[in-house]
PDB file of N, CA and C in Angstrom:
ATOM      1  N   MET A   1     -42.985  16.508 -73.453  1.00  0.00           N
ATOM      2  CA  MET A   1     -43.130  16.173 -72.068  1.00  0.00           C
ATOM      3  C   MET A   1     -42.015  15.381 -71.350  1.00  0.00           C
ATOM      4  N   ASN A   2     -41.716  15.253 -70.349  1.00  0.00           N
ATOM      5  CA  ASN A   2     -40.692  14.473 -69.529  1.00  0.00           C
ATOM      6  C   ASN A   2     -41.468  13.728 -68.471  1.00  0.00           C
ATOM      7  N   ILE A   3     -41.095  12.428 -68.313  1.00  0.00           N
ATOM      8  CA  ILE A   3     -41.695  11.644 -67.180  1.00  0.00           C
ATOM      9  C   ILE A   3     -40.424  11.530 -66.191  1.00  0.00           C
ATOM     10  N   ASN A   4     -40.490  11.758 -65.160  1.00  0.00           N
ATOM     11  CA  ASN A   4     -39.216  11.644 -64.369  1.00  0.00           C
ATOM     12  C   ASN A   4     -39.290  10.288 -63.507  1.00  0.00           C
ATOM     13  N   GLY A   5     -38.790   9.369 -63.910  1.00  0.00           N
ATOM     14  CA  GLY A   5     -38.718   8.071 -63.354  1.00  0.00           C
ATOM     15  C   GLY A   5     -39.806   7.195 -64.037  1.00  0.00           C
ATOM     16  N   THR A   6     -39.247   5.955 -64.526  1.00  0.00           N
ATOM     17  CA  THR A   6     -40.098   5.033 -65.267  1.00  0.00           C
ATOM     18  C   THR A   6     -39.599   3.636 -64.745  1.00  0.00           C
ATOM     19  N   ASP A   7     -39.012   3.680 -63.584  1.00  0.00           N
ATOM     20  CA  ASP A   7     -38.675   2.399 -62.896  1.00  0.00           C
ATOM     21  C   ASP A   7     -39.286   2.201 -61.327  1.00  0.00           C
ATOM     22  N   TRP A   8     -40.179   2.798 -61.162  1.00  0.00           N
ATOM     23  CA  TRP A   8     -40.807   2.717 -59.799  1.00  0.00           C
ATOM     24  C   TRP A   8     -41.585   1.335 -59.810  1.00  0.00           C
ATOM     25  N   GLN A   9     -41.735   0.848 -58.426  1.00  0.00           N
ATOM     26  CA  GLN A   9     -42.568  -0.358 -58.420  1.00  0.00           C
ATOM     27  C   GLN A   9     -44.078  -0.196 -58.451  1.00  0.00           C
ATOM     28  N   THR A  10     -44.529   0.401 -59.304  1.00  0.00           N
ATOM     29  CA  THR A  10     -45.910   0.593 -59.929  1.00  0.00           C
ATOM     30  C   THR A  10     -46.440  -0.285 -60.964  1.00  0.00           C
ATOM     31  N   ARG A  11     -47.749  -0.022 -61.317  1.00  0.00           N
ATOM     32  CA  ARG A  11     -48.162  -0.951 -62.429  1.00  0.00           C
ATOM     33  C   ARG A  11     -47.700  -0.583 -63.868  1.00  0.00           C
ATOM     34  N   ASP A  12     -47.268   0.608 -63.976  1.00  0.00           N
ATOM     35  CA  ASP A  12     -46.533   0.845 -65.355  1.00  0.00           C
ATOM     36  C   ASP A  12     -44.974   1.360 -65.049  1.00  0.00           C
ATOM     37  N   GLY A  13     -44.725   1.636 -63.830  1.00  0.00           N
ATOM     38  CA  GLY A  13     -43.310   2.022 -63.852  1.00  0.00           C
ATOM     39  C   GLY A  13     -43.145   3.626 -63.391  1.00  0.00           C
ATOM     40  N   THR A  14     -44.338   4.254 -63.529  1.00  0.00           N
ATOM     41  CA  THR A  14     -44.624   5.690 -63.273  1.00  0.00           C
ATOM     42  C   THR A  14     -45.181   6.078 -61.955  1.00  0.00           C
ATOM     43  N   CYS A  15     -44.776   7.189 -61.311  1.00  0.00           N
ATOM     44  CA  CYS A  15     -45.471   7.571 -60.234  1.00  0.00           C
ATOM     45  C   CYS A  15     -46.839   7.465 -60.200  1.00  0.00           C
ATOM     46  N   ILE A  16     -47.542   7.183 -59.139  1.00  0.00           N
ATOM     47  CA  ILE A  16     -48.925   7.236 -58.989  1.00  0.00           C
ATOM     48  C   ILE A  16     -49.094   8.272 -57.927  1.00  0.00           C
ATOM     49  N   ARG A  17     -50.170   9.159 -58.359  1.00  0.00           N
ATOM     50  CA  ARG A  17     -50.757  10.307 -57.759  1.00  0.00           C
ATOM     51  C   ARG A  17     -52.235  10.482 -57.635  1.00  0.00           C
ATOM     52  N   ASP A  18     -52.604  11.086 -56.588  1.00  0.00           N
ATOM     53  CA  ASP A  18     -54.096  11.538 -56.136  1.00  0.00           C
ATOM     54  C   ASP A  18     -54.541  12.699 -56.828  1.00  0.00           C
ATOM     55  N   TYR A  19     -54.734  12.845 -58.149  1.00  0.00           N
ATOM     56  CA  TYR A  19     -54.929  14.048 -58.575  1.00  0.00           C
ATOM     57  C   TYR A  19     -56.551  14.653 -58.420  1.00  0.00           C
ATOM     58  N   VAL A  20     -56.540  15.818 -58.234  1.00  0.00           N
ATOM     59  CA  VAL A  20     -57.644  16.625 -57.924  1.00  0.00           C
ATOM     60  C   VAL A  20     -58.112  17.677 -58.854  1.00  0.00           C
ATOM     61  N   HIS A  21     -59.217  17.504 -59.258  1.00  0.00           N
ATOM     62  CA  HIS A  21     -59.844  18.672 -60.261  1.00  0.00           C
ATOM     63  C   HIS A  21     -59.830  19.914 -59.651  1.00  0.00           C
ATOM     64  N   VAL A  22     -59.524  21.030 -59.951  1.00  0.00           N
ATOM     65  CA  VAL A  22     -59.636  22.211 -59.581  1.00  0.00           C
ATOM     66  C   VAL A  22     -60.984  22.554 -58.839  1.00  0.00           C
ATOM     67  N   MET A  23     -62.177  22.196 -59.587  1.00  0.00           N
ATOM     68  CA  MET A  23     -63.426  22.394 -59.049  1.00  0.00           C
ATOM     69  C   MET A  23     -63.618  21.765 -57.736  1.00  0.00           C
ATOM     70  N   ASP A  24     -63.008  20.472 -57.701  1.00  0.00           N
ATOM     71  CA  ASP A  24     -63.144  19.516 -56.417  1.00  0.00           C
ATOM     72  C   ASP A  24     -62.453  20.595 -55.195  1.00  0.00           C
ATOM     73  N   LEU A  25     -61.271  21.256 -55.500  1.00  0.00           N
ATOM     74  CA  LEU A  25     -60.439  21.844 -54.638  1.00  0.00           C
ATOM     75  C   LEU A  25     -61.372  22.958 -54.400  1.00  0.00           C
ATOM     76  N   VAL A  26     -61.970  23.673 -55.211  1.00  0.00           N
ATOM     77  CA  VAL A  26     -62.904  25.012 -54.995  1.00  0.00           C
ATOM     78  C   VAL A  26     -63.780  24.450 -54.021  1.00  0.00           C
ATOM     79  N   GLU A  27     -64.509  23.490 -54.319  1.00  0.00           N
ATOM     80  CA  GLU A  27     -65.743  23.232 -53.536  1.00  0.00           C
ATOM     81  C   GLU A  27     -65.297  22.826 -52.050  1.00  0.00           C
ATOM     82  N   CYS A  28     -64.074  22.332 -51.904  1.00  0.00           N
ATOM     83  CA  CYS A  28     -63.554  21.795 -50.571  1.00  0.00           C
ATOM     84  C   CYS A  28     -63.156  23.055 -49.813  1.00  0.00           C
ATOM     85  N   ILE A  29     -62.628  23.847 -50.595  1.00  0.00           N
ATOM     86  CA  ILE A  29     -62.096  25.455 -49.959  1.00  0.00           C
ATOM     87  C   ILE A  29     -63.503  26.027 -49.285  1.00  0.00           C
ATOM     88  N   ILE A  30     -64.621  26.096 -50.154  1.00  0.00           N
ATOM     89  CA  ILE A  30     -65.861  26.706 -49.742  1.00  0.00           C
ATOM     90  C   ILE A  30     -66.543  25.893 -48.545  1.00  0.00           C
ATOM     91  N   LYS A  31     -66.447  24.657 -48.689  1.00  0.00           N
ATOM     92  CA  LYS A  31     -66.897  23.925 -47.419  1.00  0.00           C
ATOM     93  C   LYS A  31     -66.133  24.132 -46.118  1.00  0.00           C
ATOM     94  N   ALA A  32     -64.725  24.139 -46.301  1.00  0.00           N
ATOM     95  CA  ALA A  32     -63.873  24.569 -45.045  1.00  0.00           C
ATOM     96  C   ALA A  32     -64.240  25.703 -44.479  1.00  0.00           C
ATOM     97  N   ILE A  33     -64.496  26.925 -45.424  1.00  0.00           N
ATOM     98  CA  ILE A  33     -64.914  28.071 -44.803  1.00  0.00           C
ATOM     99  C   ILE A  33     -66.148  28.348 -44.271  1.00  0.00           C
ATOM    100  N   GLU A  34     -67.198  27.581 -44.712  1.00  0.00           N
ATOM    101  CA  GLU A  34     -68.458  27.431 -44.033  1.00  0.00           C
ATOM    102  C   GLU A  34     -68.594  26.697 -42.749  1.00  0.00           C
ATOM    103  N   THR A  35     -67.506  25.865 -42.502  1.00  0.00           N
ATOM    104  CA  THR A  35     -67.434  24.687 -41.355  1.00  0.00           C
ATOM    105  C   THR A  35     -66.817  25.343 -40.326  1.00  0.00           C
ATOM    106  N   PRO A  36     -67.267  25.391 -39.091  1.00  0.00           N
ATOM    107  CA  PRO A  36     -66.389  25.947 -37.886  1.00  0.00           C
ATOM    108  C   PRO A  36     -65.155  25.321 -37.791  1.00  0.00           C
ATOM    109  N   ALA A  37     -64.112  25.885 -37.317  1.00  0.00           N
ATOM    110  CA  ALA A  37     -62.792  25.546 -37.218  1.00  0.00           C
ATOM    111  C   ALA A  37     -63.070  24.214 -36.349  1.00  0.00           C
ATOM    112  N   ASN A  38     -61.874  23.237 -36.860  1.00  0.00           N
ATOM    113  CA  ASN A  38     -61.770  21.988 -36.139  1.00  0.00           C
ATOM    114  C   ASN A  38     -60.438  21.526 -36.090  1.00  0.00           C
ATOM    115  N   THR A  39     -60.098  20.378 -35.477  1.00  0.00           N
ATOM    116  CA  THR A  39     -58.667  19.929 -35.307  1.00  0.00           C
ATOM    117  C   THR A  39     -58.550  18.830 -35.970  1.00  0.00           C
ATOM    118  N   ASP A  40     -59.573  18.348 -36.788  1.00  0.00           N
ATOM    119  CA  ASP A  40     -59.357  17.113 -37.494  1.00  0.00           C
ATOM    120  C   ASP A  40     -58.479  17.116 -38.736  1.00  0.00           C
ATOM    121  N   TYR A  41     -57.601  16.300 -38.971  1.00  0.00           N
ATOM    122  CA  TYR A  41     -56.760  16.223 -40.437  1.00  0.00           C
ATOM    123  C   TYR A  41     -57.657  16.301 -41.530  1.00  0.00           C
ATOM    124  N   GLU A  42     -57.422  17.384 -42.364  1.00  0.00           N
ATOM    125  CA  GLU A  42     -57.892  17.907 -43.309  1.00  0.00           C
ATOM    126  C   GLU A  42     -56.977  17.781 -44.607  1.00  0.00           C
ATOM    127  N   CYS A  43     -57.769  16.946 -45.757  1.00  0.00           N
ATOM    128  CA  CYS A  43     -56.962  16.973 -46.996  1.00  0.00           C
ATOM    129  C   CYS A  43     -57.720  16.782 -48.058  1.00  0.00           C
ATOM    130  N   ILE A  44     -57.431  16.746 -49.332  1.00  0.00           N
ATOM    131  CA  ILE A  44     -58.406  16.733 -50.438  1.00  0.00           C
ATOM    132  C   ILE A  44     -57.885  15.507 -51.356  1.00  0.00           C
ATOM    133  N   GLY A  45     -58.502  14.443 -51.686  1.00  0.00           N
ATOM    134  CA  GLY A  45     -58.094  13.453 -52.464  1.00  0.00           C
ATOM    135  C   GLY A  45     -59.442  12.603 -53.016  1.00  0.00           C
ATOM    136  N   SER A  46     -59.275  11.810 -53.958  1.00  0.00           N
ATOM    137  CA  SER A  46     -60.226  10.859 -54.294  1.00  0.00           C
ATOM    138  C   SER A  46     -60.041   9.587 -53.838  1.00  0.00           C
ATOM    139  N   GLY A  47     -58.904   9.294 -53.333  1.00  0.00           N
ATOM    140  CA  GLY A  47     -58.470   7.993 -52.964  1.00  0.00           C
ATOM    141  C   GLY A  47     -58.033   6.968 -54.194  1.00  0.00           C
ATOM    142  N   ILE A  48     -58.180   7.646 -54.952  1.00  0.00           N
ATOM    143  CA  ILE A  48     -57.878   6.979 -56.291  1.00  0.00           C
ATOM    144  C   ILE A  48     -56.649   7.297 -57.121  1.00  0.00           C
ATOM    145  N   GLY A  49     -55.539   6.589 -57.399  1.00  0.00           N
ATOM    146  CA  GLY A  49     -54.388   6.849 -58.043  1.00  0.00           C
ATOM    147  C   GLY A  49     -54.116   6.473 -59.391  1.00  0.00           C
ATOM    148  N   HIS A  50     -53.637   7.588 -60.139  1.00  0.00           N
ATOM    149  CA  HIS A  50     -53.312   7.228 -61.541  1.00  0.00           C
ATOM    150  C   HIS A  50     -51.908   7.528 -61.473  1.00  0.00           C
ATOM    151  N   THR A  51     -51.272   6.575 -62.532  1.00  0.00           N
ATOM    152  CA  THR A  51     -49.738   6.939 -63.106  1.00  0.00           C
ATOM    153  C   THR A  51     -49.731   8.137 -63.956  1.00  0.00           C
ATOM    154  N   VAL A  52     -48.618   8.445 -64.057  1.00  0.00           N
ATOM    155  CA  VAL A  52     -48.115   9.551 -64.969  1.00  0.00           C
ATOM    156  C   VAL A  52     -48.470   9.099 -66.410  1.00  0.00           C
ATOM    157  N   ASN A  53     -48.128   7.819 -66.741  1.00  0.00           N
ATOM    158  CA  ASN A  53     -48.417   7.327 -68.075  1.00  0.00           C
ATOM    159  C   ASN A  53     -49.985   7.329 -68.440  1.00  0.00           C
ATOM    160  N   GLU A  54     -50.838   7.037 -67.336  1.00  0.00           N
ATOM    161  CA  GLU A  54     -52.267   6.985 -67.655  1.00  0.00           C
ATOM    162  C   GLU A  54     -52.775   8.435 -67.947  1.00  0.00           C
ATOM    163  N   VAL A  55     -52.022   9.519 -67.130  1.00  0.00           N
ATOM    164  CA  VAL A  55     -52.516  10.791 -67.411  1.00  0.00           C
ATOM    165  C   VAL A  55     -52.145  11.066 -69.069  1.00  0.00           C
ATOM    166  N   ILE A  56     -50.943  10.867 -69.211  1.00  0.00           N
ATOM    167  CA  ILE A  56     -50.509  11.176 -70.609  1.00  0.00           C
ATOM    168  C   ILE A  56     -51.148  10.451 -71.711  1.00  0.00           C
ATOM    169  N   ASP A  57     -51.777   9.140 -71.365  1.00  0.00           N
ATOM    170  CA  ASP A  57     -52.583   8.665 -72.459  1.00  0.00           C
ATOM    171  C   ASP A  57     -53.798   9.048 -72.287  1.00  0.00           C
ATOM    172  N   MET A  58     -54.408   9.604 -71.465  1.00  0.00           N
ATOM    173  CA  MET A  58     -55.591  10.289 -71.431  1.00  0.00           C
ATOM    174  C   MET A  58     -55.700  11.496 -72.211  1.00  0.00           C
ATOM    175  N   MET A  59     -54.556  12.504 -71.801  1.00  0.00           N
ATOM    176  CA  MET A  59     -54.676  13.546 -72.538  1.00  0.00           C
ATOM    177  C   MET A  59     -54.424  13.374 -74.032  1.00  0.00           C
ATOM    178  N   LYS A  60     -53.445  12.451 -74.647  1.00  0.00           N
ATOM    179  CA  LYS A  60     -53.465  11.916 -75.768  1.00  0.00           C
ATOM    180  C   LYS A  60     -54.612  11.642 -76.617  1.00  0.00           C
ATOM    181  N   GLU A  61     -55.801  10.984 -75.608  1.00  0.00           N
ATOM    182  CA  GLU A  61     -56.863  10.587 -76.189  1.00  0.00           C
ATOM    183  C   GLU A  61     -57.861  11.666 -76.399  1.00  0.00           C
ATOM    184  N   ILE A  62     -58.018  12.438 -75.391  1.00  0.00           N
ATOM    185  CA  ILE A  62     -58.740  13.418 -75.012  1.00  0.00           C
ATOM    186  C   ILE A  62     -58.458  14.737 -76.321  1.00  0.00           C
ATOM    187  N   SER A  63     -57.281  15.029 -76.494  1.00  0.00           N
ATOM    188  CA  SER A  63     -56.824  15.986 -77.489  1.00  0.00           C
ATOM    189  C   SER A  63     -56.531  15.401 -79.034  1.00  0.00           C
ATOM    190  N   GLY A  64     -56.670  14.399 -79.160  1.00  0.00           N
ATOM    191  CA  GLY A  64     -56.449  13.689 -80.493  1.00  0.00           C
ATOM    192  C   GLY A  64     -54.976  13.859 -80.935  1.00  0.00           C
ATOM    193  N   GLN A  65     -54.111  14.195 -79.910  1.00  0.00           N
ATOM    194  CA  GLN A  65     -52.732  14.708 -80.380  1.00  0.00           C
ATOM    195  C   GLN A  65     -51.638  13.592 -79.857  1.00  0.00           C
ATOM    196  N   ASP A  66     -50.833  13.441 -80.637  1.00  0.00           N
ATOM    197  CA  ASP A  66     -49.634  12.536 -80.102  1.00  0.00           C
ATOM    198  C   ASP A  66     -48.506  13.369 -79.946  1.00  0.00           C
ATOM    199  N   PHE A  67     -47.924  13.164 -78.870  1.00  0.00           N
ATOM    200  CA  PHE A  67     -46.829  14.253 -78.497  1.00  0.00           C
ATOM    201  C   PHE A  67     -45.804  13.372 -77.814  1.00  0.00           C
ATOM    202  N   ASN A  68     -44.447  13.785 -78.153  1.00  0.00           N
ATOM    203  CA  ASN A  68     -43.294  13.276 -77.709  1.00  0.00           C
ATOM    204  C   ASN A  68     -43.208  13.185 -76.076  1.00  0.00           C
ATOM    205  N   VAL A  69     -42.804  12.009 -75.637  1.00  0.00           N
ATOM    206  CA  VAL A  69     -42.774  11.922 -74.095  1.00  0.00           C
ATOM    207  C   VAL A  69     -41.108  11.265 -73.814  1.00  0.00           C
ATOM    208  N   ILE A  70     -40.306  11.852 -73.115  1.00  0.00           N
ATOM    209  CA  ILE A  70     -39.127  11.805 -72.785  1.00  0.00           C
ATOM    210  C   ILE A  70     -39.092  11.097 -71.446  1.00  0.00           C
ATOM    211  N   GLU A  71     -38.317  10.045 -71.370  1.00  0.00           N
ATOM    212  CA  GLU A  71     -38.138   9.154 -70.102  1.00  0.00           C
ATOM    213  C   GLU A  71     -37.063   9.813 -69.609  1.00  0.00           C
ATOM    214  N   SER A  72     -37.110  10.509 -68.301  1.00  0.00           N
ATOM    215  CA  SER A  72     -35.831  11.026 -67.609  1.00  0.00           C
ATOM    216  C   SER A  72     -35.638  10.358 -66.257  1.00  0.00           C
ATOM    217  N   PRO A  73     -34.592  10.708 -65.811  1.00  0.00           N
ATOM    218  CA  PRO A  73     -34.258   9.906 -64.365  1.00  0.00           C
ATOM    219  C   PRO A  73     -35.192  10.341 -63.311  1.00  0.00           C
ATOM    220  N   ARG A  74     -35.427   9.539 -62.209  1.00  0.00           N
ATOM    221  CA  ARG A  74     -36.317  10.057 -61.078  1.00  0.00           C
ATOM    222  C   ARG A  74     -35.529  11.342 -60.608  1.00  0.00           C
ATOM    223  N   ARG A  75     -36.397  12.011 -59.932  1.00  0.00           N
ATOM    224  CA  ARG A  75     -36.222  13.287 -59.275  1.00  0.00           C
ATOM    225  C   ARG A  75     -35.899  12.939 -57.861  1.00  0.00           C
ATOM    226  N   LYS A  76     -34.848  13.661 -57.292  1.00  0.00           N
ATOM    227  CA  LYS A  76     -34.510  13.439 -55.803  1.00  0.00           C
ATOM    228  C   LYS A  76     -35.675  13.799 -54.937  1.00  0.00           C
ATOM    229  N   GLY A  77     -36.118  12.879 -53.897  1.00  0.00           N
ATOM    230  CA  GLY A  77     -37.116  13.301 -53.141  1.00  0.00           C
ATOM    231  C   GLY A  77     -38.589  12.644 -53.743  1.00  0.00           C
ATOM    232  N   ASP A  78     -38.620  12.277 -54.680  1.00  0.00           N
ATOM    233  CA  ASP A  78     -39.941  11.616 -55.149  1.00  0.00           C
ATOM    234  C   ASP A  78     -40.279  10.443 -54.762  1.00  0.00           C
ATOM    235  N   THR A  79     -41.535   9.963 -54.482  1.00  0.00           N
ATOM    236  CA  THR A  79     -41.761   8.661 -54.046  1.00  0.00           C
ATOM    237  C   THR A  79     -42.633   7.911 -55.023  1.00  0.00           C
ATOM    238  N   ALA A  80     -42.751   6.756 -54.888  1.00  0.00           N
ATOM    239  CA  ALA A  80     -43.719   6.111 -56.029  1.00  0.00           C
ATOM    240  C   ALA A  80     -45.160   6.260 -56.023  1.00  0.00           C
ATOM    241  N   GLU A  81     -45.659   6.524 -54.689  1.00  0.00           N
ATOM    242  CA  GLU A  81     -47.282   6.845 -54.842  1.00  0.00           C
ATOM    243  C   GLU A  81     -47.740   7.643 -53.583  1.00  0.00           C
ATOM    244  N   VAL A  82     -48.436   8.443 -53.994  1.00  0.00           N
ATOM    245  CA  VAL A  82     -49.070   9.601 -53.053  1.00  0.00           C
ATOM    246  C   VAL A  82     -50.655   9.469 -53.259  1.00  0.00           C
ATOM    247  N   LEU A  83     -51.264   8.986 -52.114  1.00  0.00           N
ATOM    248  CA  LEU A  83     -52.771   8.868 -52.212  1.00  0.00           C
ATOM    249  C   LEU A  83     -53.173   9.329 -50.840  1.00  0.00           C
ATOM    250  N   ILE A  84     -54.530   9.879 -50.763  1.00  0.00           N
ATOM    251  CA  ILE A  84     -55.107  10.400 -49.797  1.00  0.00           C
ATOM    252  C   ILE A  84     -56.323   9.300 -49.432  1.00  0.00           C
ATOM    253  N   PRO A  85     -55.942   8.671 -48.599  1.00  0.00           N
ATOM    254  CA  PRO A  85     -57.010   7.443 -47.918  1.00  0.00           C
ATOM    255  C   PRO A  85     -58.399   8.238 -47.636  1.00  0.00           C
ATOM    256  N   GLU A  86     -59.584   7.734 -47.955  1.00  0.00           N
ATOM    257  CA  GLU A  86     -60.815   8.435 -47.708  1.00  0.00           C
ATOM    258  C   GLU A  86     -60.999   8.589 -46.228  1.00  0.00           C
ATOM    259  N   HIS A  87     -60.635   7.780 -45.450  1.00  0.00           N
ATOM    260  CA  HIS A  87     -60.861   7.648 -44.024  1.00  0.00           C
ATOM    261  C   HIS A  87     -59.933   8.579 -43.376  1.00  0.00           C
ATOM    262  N   LYS A  88     -59.009   9.204 -43.881  1.00  0.00           N
ATOM    263  CA  LYS A  88     -58.133  10.124 -43.343  1.00  0.00           C
ATOM    264  C   LYS A  88     -58.440  11.789 -43.477  1.00  0.00           C
ATOM    265  N   SER A  89     -59.498  11.976 -44.440  1.00  0.00           N
ATOM    266  CA  SER A  89     -59.803  13.183 -44.759  1.00  0.00           C
ATOM    267  C   SER A  89     -61.356  13.604 -44.150  1.00  0.00           C
ATOM    268  N   LYS A  90     -61.248  15.002 -43.718  1.00  0.00           N
ATOM    269  CA  LYS A  90     -62.708  15.433 -43.218  1.00  0.00           C
ATOM    270  C   LYS A  90     -63.332  15.996 -44.493  1.00  0.00           C
ATOM    271  N   TYR A  91     -62.489  16.699 -45.193  1.00  0.00           N
ATOM    272  CA  TYR A  91     -63.230  17.025 -46.528  1.00  0.00           C
ATOM    273  C   TYR A  91     -62.810  16.423 -47.586  1.00  0.00           C
ATOM    274  N   PHE A  92     -63.113  15.024 -48.025  1.00  0.00           N
ATOM    275  CA  PHE A  92     -62.964  14.336 -49.055  1.00  0.00           C
ATOM    276  C   PHE A  92     -63.443  14.601 -50.062  1.00  0.00           C
ATOM    277  N   TYR A  93     -62.889  14.634 -51.151  1.00  0.00           N
ATOM    278  CA  TYR A  93     -63.393  15.060 -52.543  1.00  0.00           C
ATOM    279  C   TYR A  93     -63.001  14.367 -53.678  1.00  0.00           C
ATOM    280  N   GLY A  94     -63.398  14.069 -54.642  1.00  0.00           N
ATOM    281  CA  GLY A  94     -63.047  13.242 -55.740  1.00  0.00           C
ATOM    282  C   GLY A  94     -64.291  12.865 -56.766  1.00  0.00           C
ATOM    283  N   ASN A  95     -65.233  14.063 -56.991  1.00  0.00           N
ATOM    284  CA  ASN A  95     -66.010  13.870 -57.728  1.00  0.00           C
ATOM    285  C   ASN A  95     -65.722  13.638 -59.243  1.00  0.00           C
ATOM    286  N   ARG A  96     -64.804  14.248 -59.709  1.00  0.00           N
ATOM    287  CA  ARG A  96     -64.571  14.266 -61.127  1.00  0.00           C
ATOM    288  C   ARG A  96     -63.614  13.263 -61.358  1.00  0.00           C
ATOM    289  N   THR A  97     -63.475  12.657 -62.530  1.00  0.00           N
ATOM    290  CA  THR A  97     -62.706  11.561 -62.974  1.00  0.00           C
ATOM    291  C   THR A  97     -61.581  12.071 -63.717  1.00  0.00           C
ATOM    292  N   LEU A  98     -60.695  11.402 -63.705  1.00  0.00           N
ATOM    293  CA  LEU A  98     -59.329  11.677 -64.599  1.00  0.00           C
ATOM    294  C   LEU A  98     -59.769  12.091 -65.986  1.00  0.00           C
ATOM    295  N   GLU A  99     -60.658  11.670 -66.555  1.00  0.00           N
ATOM    296  CA  GLU A  99     -61.173  12.074 -67.934  1.00  0.00           C
ATOM    297  C   GLU A  99     -61.724  13.451 -67.865  1.00  0.00           C
ATOM    298  N   ASP A 100     -62.471  13.634 -66.724  1.00  0.00           N
ATOM    299  CA  ASP A 100     -62.976  15.229 -66.539  1.00  0.00           C
ATOM    300  C   ASP A 100     -61.784  16.167 -66.136  1.00  0.00           C
ATOM    301  N   MET A 101     -60.721  15.660 -65.705  1.00  0.00           N
ATOM    302  CA  MET A 101     -59.792  16.585 -65.332  1.00  0.00           C
ATOM    303  C   MET A 101     -59.021  17.038 -66.711  1.00  0.00           C
ATOM    304  N   CYS A 102     -58.713  15.960 -67.356  1.00  0.00           N
ATOM    305  CA  CYS A 102     -57.936  16.034 -68.499  1.00  0.00           C
ATOM    306  C   CYS A 102     -58.729  16.845 -69.510  1.00  0.00           C
ATOM    307  N   LEU A 103     -59.937  16.694 -69.591  1.00  0.00           N
ATOM    308  CA  LEU A 103     -60.932  17.329 -70.486  1.00  0.00           C
ATOM    309  C   LEU A 103     -60.766  18.913 -70.216  1.00  0.00           C
ATOM    310  N   SER A 104     -61.056  19.120 -69.018  1.00  0.00           N
ATOM    311  CA  SER A 104     -60.858  20.701 -68.533  1.00  0.00           C
ATOM    312  C   SER A 104     -59.766  21.279 -68.868  1.00  0.00           C
ATOM    313  N   ALA A 105     -58.634  20.719 -68.490  1.00  0.00           N
ATOM    314  CA  ALA A 105     -57.390  21.234 -68.796  1.00  0.00           C
ATOM    315  C   ALA A 105     -57.080  21.413 -70.293  1.00  0.00           C
ATOM    316  N   TYR A 106     -57.541  20.564 -71.129  1.00  0.00           N
ATOM    317  CA  TYR A 106     -57.346  20.603 -72.479  1.00  0.00           C
ATOM    318  C   TYR A 106     -58.119  21.699 -73.065  1.00  0.00           C
ATOM    319  N   LYS A 107     -59.287  21.837 -72.642  1.00  0.00           N
ATOM    320  CA  LYS A 107     -60.336  22.978 -73.032  1.00  0.00           C
ATOM    321  C   LYS A 107     -59.638  24.295 -72.554  1.00  0.00           C
ATOM    322  N   MET A 108     -59.104  24.448 -71.475  1.00  0.00           N
ATOM    323  CA  MET A 108     -58.493  25.805 -70.945  1.00  0.00           C
ATOM    324  C   MET A 108     -57.257  26.275 -71.857  1.00  0.00           C
ATOM    325  N   GLU A 109     -56.591  25.126 -72.132  1.00  0.00           N
ATOM    326  CA  GLU A 109     -55.387  25.360 -73.192  1.00  0.00           C
ATOM    327  C   GLU A 109     -55.768  25.870 -74.562  1.00  0.00           C
ATOM    328  N   LEU A 110     -56.880  25.269 -74.917  1.00  0.00           N
ATOM    329  CA  LEU A 110     -57.612  25.710 -76.147  1.00  0.00           C
ATOM    330  C   LEU A 110     -57.827  27.326 -76.338  1.00  0.00           C
ATOM    331  N   LYS A 111     -58.301  27.599 -75.043  1.00  0.00           N
ATOM    332  CA  LYS A 111     -58.943  29.096 -74.881  1.00  0.00           C
ATOM    333  C   LYS A 111     -57.581  30.016 -75.148  1.00  0.00           C
TER     334      LYS A 111
END
């Protein structure tokens, strides 16, 4: 696995992202379909950011596997942090934790 950029001004040097579980996404889409059209800014997020290293560490813990991680240069256009603030979102979701997301992804890979 490659990490693109480990020299960001973040808590561990890797990018921070507001990861969303696929089921949170599905629930948000259903709510959007059931709600009359509006002009509010709509986005999905938990407002909680996790670094790339935190996701990798969680996947290693969940899977019980140690795997190689290669530190690569930053990608052009990347930014250190992308979070969706709760007050900005009409359909704010984030009921599932990073552990939930990683466990779901791992179980799918096992199938």
